[in-house]
Amino acid sequence: MSTSQAPEYPMLQSDALTVIELFQSQGCSSCPPANSNVLKLAQDPNLLVLTYNVTYLDRLVWKDIFGNSANDRRQWEYARALSRKNVFTPQVIFNGEVDGVGNNPRELQSLIAEGSASRALNTVKISSSMDGKVTVVGAENEHGLVTVVRYDPKHYEVRISHGENGGRTLPHSHVVKEVRQIGNWTGGSQQFELPRTEDGLKVAVLVQAGSGGRVLGAARI
């Protein structure tokens, strides 16, 4: 094969990624500060920023145009894993293990440091091949769920006409479009099929210690 041909599935290094997941709603007046703080982190190559717009606040007059009930379910998975009785917005989750509101930049940086400390313990490595295979490698006695997250990296400005944020224009980026489990990793080295993505969406691969569990490894394509 010619060395000038670009890989079909280029994968960035997975070693240094801290996964930051923001759950928010356009109908929540407390969400814009957290959203602004999180989006400022998106250019850091050591951070994987994913934003999930939920639907359970759509009853507050404004229907979130990026809302997806699958995001509600994912947030509830985290709530159960974190022993929460309820879900709330905004909520920022770091490496599936620690969480906070995200409205205070200092708190956010502290939580990033805590999430990064847990990331340093990760032994799972993720790589991909040109034929669309994802390889997960780790200890023989570990296991986890392998999930593909498809997200839109483009920047959007959304005018909110009514509701708690009525009259405001809110920025959006790294909006999650789909979360799909592609297999169970049972330790050692295993391969999984990577779904193709189109329409300019980006792809991240997460290995987590069960539903709503700690992120054992992460990579983005």
Protein backbone atom coordinates (compact mmCIF):
# COMPACT_ATOMS: atom_id res chain seq x y z
CA MET A 1 0.00 0.00 0.00
CA SER A 2 1.24 3.47 -0.83
CA THR A 3 2.54 5.39 2.17
CA SER A 4 0.85 8.51 0.82
CA GLN A 5 -2.63 7.04 1.33
CA ALA A 6 -4.27 8.44 4.47
CA PRO A 7 -5.66 5.94 6.97
CA GLU A 8 -9.42 5.56 6.69
CA TYR A 9 -9.84 5.56 10.47
CA PRO A 10 -7.07 7.74 11.99
CA MET A 11 -7.01 7.51 15.78
CA LEU A 12 -5.51 10.03 18.16
CA GLN A 13 -3.63 8.93 21.25
CA SER A 14 -5.97 7.64 23.92
CA ASP A 15 -3.53 7.82 26.83
CA ALA A 16 -4.05 11.44 27.84
CA LEU A 17 -7.80 11.98 27.40
CA THR A 18 -9.95 13.17 30.28
CA VAL A 19 -13.62 12.79 29.30
CA ILE A 20 -15.87 15.73 30.20
CA GLU A 21 -19.60 15.21 29.69
CA LEU A 22 -22.02 18.11 30.16
CA PHE A 23 -25.75 17.48 30.56
CA GLN A 24 -27.79 20.61 29.94
CA SER A 25 -30.98 22.07 28.47
CA GLN A 26 -31.79 25.24 26.55
CA GLY A 27 -34.74 25.62 28.92
CA CYS A 28 -32.50 25.84 31.99
CA SER A 29 -31.39 29.32 33.06
CA SER A 30 -28.52 27.86 35.13
CA CYS A 31 -26.97 26.04 32.16
CA PRO A 32 -25.39 28.83 30.05
CA PRO A 33 -22.51 29.56 32.49
CA ALA A 34 -21.59 25.86 32.72
CA ASN A 35 -21.88 25.50 28.96
CA SER A 36 -19.60 28.49 28.41
CA ASN A 37 -17.02 27.16 30.85
CA VAL A 38 -17.03 23.69 29.33
CA LEU A 39 -16.80 24.90 25.72
CA LYS A 40 -13.67 26.87 26.59
CA LEU A 41 -12.03 23.53 27.38
CA ALA A 42 -12.83 21.92 24.04
CA GLN A 43 -9.59 23.00 22.35
CA ASP A 44 -7.40 21.27 24.93
CA PRO A 45 -6.02 18.12 23.22
CA ASN A 46 -5.97 16.31 26.57
CA LEU A 47 -9.72 16.79 27.08
CA LEU A 48 -12.62 15.14 25.27
CA VAL A 49 -15.64 17.44 25.64
CA LEU A 50 -19.12 16.03 24.94
CA THR A 51 -22.35 17.98 25.45
CA TYR A 52 -25.70 16.22 25.91
CA ASN A 53 -28.96 18.16 25.63
CA VAL A 54 -31.73 16.50 27.65
CA THR A 55 -35.49 16.58 27.10
CA TYR A 56 -37.02 16.38 30.57
CA LEU A 57 -37.04 20.19 30.87
CA ASP A 58 -38.85 20.69 27.56
CA ARG A 59 -42.04 21.14 29.57
CA LEU A 60 -40.68 24.53 30.70
CA VAL A 61 -42.17 26.22 27.61
CA TRP A 62 -39.04 25.92 25.40
CA LYS A 63 -38.34 22.67 23.50
CA ASP A 64 -34.58 22.10 23.21
CA ILE A 65 -33.73 21.76 19.51
CA PHE A 66 -30.81 19.43 20.30
CA GLY A 67 -32.69 17.45 22.95
CA ASN A 68 -32.58 13.66 22.76
CA SER A 69 -34.28 11.26 25.17
CA ALA A 70 -31.28 8.92 24.81
CA ASN A 71 -29.28 11.63 26.61
CA ASP A 72 -31.80 11.49 29.46
CA ARG A 73 -31.19 7.76 29.76
CA ARG A 74 -27.42 8.19 29.78
CA GLN A 75 -27.64 10.78 32.54
CA TRP A 76 -29.81 8.42 34.59
CA GLU A 77 -27.17 5.70 34.16
CA TYR A 78 -24.67 8.05 35.77
CA ALA A 79 -27.17 9.02 38.47
CA ARG A 80 -27.63 5.40 39.49
CA ALA A 81 -23.88 4.74 39.43
CA LEU A 82 -23.28 7.86 41.57
CA SER A 83 -26.14 6.90 43.95
CA ARG A 84 -28.21 9.94 42.99
CA LYS A 85 -31.98 9.92 43.45
CA ASN A 86 -32.50 12.55 40.75
CA VAL A 87 -30.91 14.08 37.68
CA PHE A 88 -30.26 17.80 37.33
CA THR A 89 -28.94 20.44 34.95
CA PRO A 90 -26.30 21.54 34.50
CA GLN A 91 -24.26 18.51 35.44
CA VAL A 92 -20.66 17.95 34.37
CA ILE A 93 -19.21 14.44 34.75
CA PHE A 94 -15.47 13.77 34.59
CA ASN A 95 -14.25 10.34 33.47
CA GLY A 96 -17.56 8.87 34.61
CA GLU A 97 -16.42 9.12 38.21
CA VAL A 98 -16.76 12.62 39.68
CA ASP A 99 -19.33 15.32 38.95
CA GLY A 100 -20.26 18.91 39.61
CA VAL A 101 -22.39 21.79 38.35
CA GLY A 102 -19.68 23.50 36.32
CA ASN A 103 -20.80 27.10 36.82
CA ASN A 104 -17.69 28.00 38.81
CA PRO A 105 -14.45 27.89 36.78
CA ARG A 106 -12.37 27.12 39.88
CA GLU A 107 -14.61 24.19 40.79
CA LEU A 108 -14.38 23.01 37.19
CA GLN A 109 -10.59 23.05 37.22
CA SER A 110 -10.55 21.20 40.54
CA LEU A 111 -12.85 18.51 39.15
CA ILE A 112 -10.73 18.23 36.00
CA ALA A 113 -7.70 17.61 38.19
CA GLU A 114 -9.60 14.97 40.14
CA GLY A 115 -10.80 13.32 36.93
CA SER A 116 -7.30 13.47 35.48
CA ALA A 117 -5.94 11.76 38.58
CA SER A 118 -8.32 8.85 38.05
CA ARG A 119 -7.38 8.78 34.36
CA ALA A 120 -3.74 8.25 35.34
CA LEU A 121 -4.80 4.88 36.76
CA ASN A 122 -6.23 3.70 33.45
CA THR A 123 -4.50 0.75 31.83
CA VAL A 124 -6.85 0.35 28.85
CA LYS A 125 -5.53 1.36 25.43
CA ILE A 126 -7.68 1.90 22.34
CA SER A 127 -6.50 1.89 18.73
CA SER A 128 -8.09 1.56 15.30
CA SER A 129 -7.17 0.11 11.93
CA MET A 130 -7.84 1.13 8.34
CA ASP A 131 -10.48 -1.59 7.96
CA GLY A 132 -12.69 -0.10 10.66
CA LYS A 133 -11.70 -2.27 13.60
CA VAL A 134 -11.27 -0.94 17.12
CA THR A 135 -8.81 -2.78 19.34
CA VAL A 136 -9.12 -2.57 23.12
CA VAL A 137 -6.16 -3.81 25.16
CA GLY A 138 -5.94 -4.08 28.93
CA ALA A 139 -5.48 -6.38 31.86
CA GLU A 140 -6.91 -9.89 31.59
CA ASN A 141 -8.96 -9.45 34.76
CA GLU A 142 -10.64 -6.20 33.68
CA HIS A 143 -13.86 -5.76 31.70
CA GLY A 144 -16.07 -2.96 30.44
CA LEU A 145 -18.63 -1.67 27.97
CA VAL A 146 -17.31 -0.38 24.62
CA THR A 147 -19.33 2.60 23.40
CA VAL A 148 -19.16 4.77 20.31
CA VAL A 149 -20.22 8.42 20.74
CA ARG A 150 -20.95 10.42 17.58
CA TYR A 151 -20.88 14.18 18.08
CA ASP A 152 -21.02 17.38 16.02
CA PRO A 153 -17.88 19.53 16.43
CA LYS A 154 -19.36 22.55 14.65
CA HIS A 155 -20.28 25.74 16.49
CA TYR A 156 -23.93 26.85 16.58
CA GLU A 157 -25.62 29.99 17.88
CA VAL A 158 -29.23 29.27 18.86
CA ARG A 159 -31.71 32.07 19.50
CA ILE A 160 -34.10 31.20 22.33
CA SER A 161 -37.40 33.00 21.87
CA HIS A 162 -39.12 32.13 25.16
CA GLY A 163 -38.79 30.20 28.39
CA GLU A 164 -36.17 30.73 31.12
CA ASN A 165 -33.57 31.78 28.55
CA GLY A 166 -35.98 33.74 26.37
CA GLY A 167 -34.26 36.51 24.40
CA ARG A 168 -30.80 34.95 24.69
CA THR A 169 -28.59 33.46 22.01
CA LEU A 170 -26.79 30.37 23.29
CA PRO A 171 -23.63 28.82 21.81
CA HIS A 172 -23.44 25.07 21.24
CA SER A 173 -20.64 22.76 20.14
CA HIS A 174 -19.58 19.12 20.52
CA VAL A 175 -23.27 18.21 20.58
CA VAL A 176 -23.77 14.45 21.01
CA LYS A 177 -25.95 12.92 18.29
CA GLU A 178 -25.72 9.23 19.11
CA VAL A 179 -24.39 6.90 21.80
CA ARG A 180 -24.09 3.27 20.72
CA GLN A 181 -22.75 0.29 22.64
CA ILE A 182 -20.69 -1.88 20.26
CA GLY A 183 -19.61 -4.67 22.57
CA ASN A 184 -18.42 -5.99 25.88
CA TRP A 185 -14.70 -6.04 26.54
CA THR A 186 -13.80 -8.98 28.78
CA GLY A 187 -10.10 -8.30 29.28
CA GLY A 188 -6.91 -8.75 27.31
CA SER A 189 -6.97 -7.76 23.63
CA GLN A 190 -10.25 -7.69 21.70
CA GLN A 191 -11.46 -6.17 18.42
CA PHE A 192 -14.80 -4.52 17.70
CA GLU A 193 -16.46 -3.20 14.54
CA LEU A 194 -16.41 0.59 14.30
CA PRO A 195 -19.57 2.05 12.69
CA ARG A 196 -18.90 4.53 9.91
CA THR A 197 -19.85 8.13 10.47
CA GLU A 198 -20.97 10.74 7.95
CA ASP A 199 -22.22 14.32 7.78
CA GLY A 200 -19.10 15.75 9.39
CA LEU A 201 -19.67 14.07 12.74
CA LYS A 202 -16.74 13.11 14.95
CA VAL A 203 -16.42 9.80 16.77
CA ALA A 204 -15.17 8.95 20.24
CA VAL A 205 -14.73 5.46 21.67
CA LEU A 206 -15.17 4.96 25.41
CA VAL A 207 -14.54 1.88 27.53
CA GLN A 208 -16.42 2.12 30.83
CA ALA A 209 -16.65 -0.09 33.90
CA GLY A 210 -20.31 -0.91 33.39
CA SER A 211 -23.34 1.25 32.72
CA GLY A 212 -22.58 4.76 33.98
CA GLY A 213 -19.26 3.54 35.27
CA ARG A 214 -15.76 4.95 35.40
CA VAL A 215 -14.06 5.60 32.06
CA LEU A 216 -11.26 3.03 31.75
CA GLY A 217 -10.06 4.34 28.39
CA ALA A 218 -11.07 6.82 25.70
CA ALA A 219 -10.01 7.80 22.20
CA ARG A 220 -11.34 10.01 19.42
CA ILE A 221 -11.18 9.59 15.69
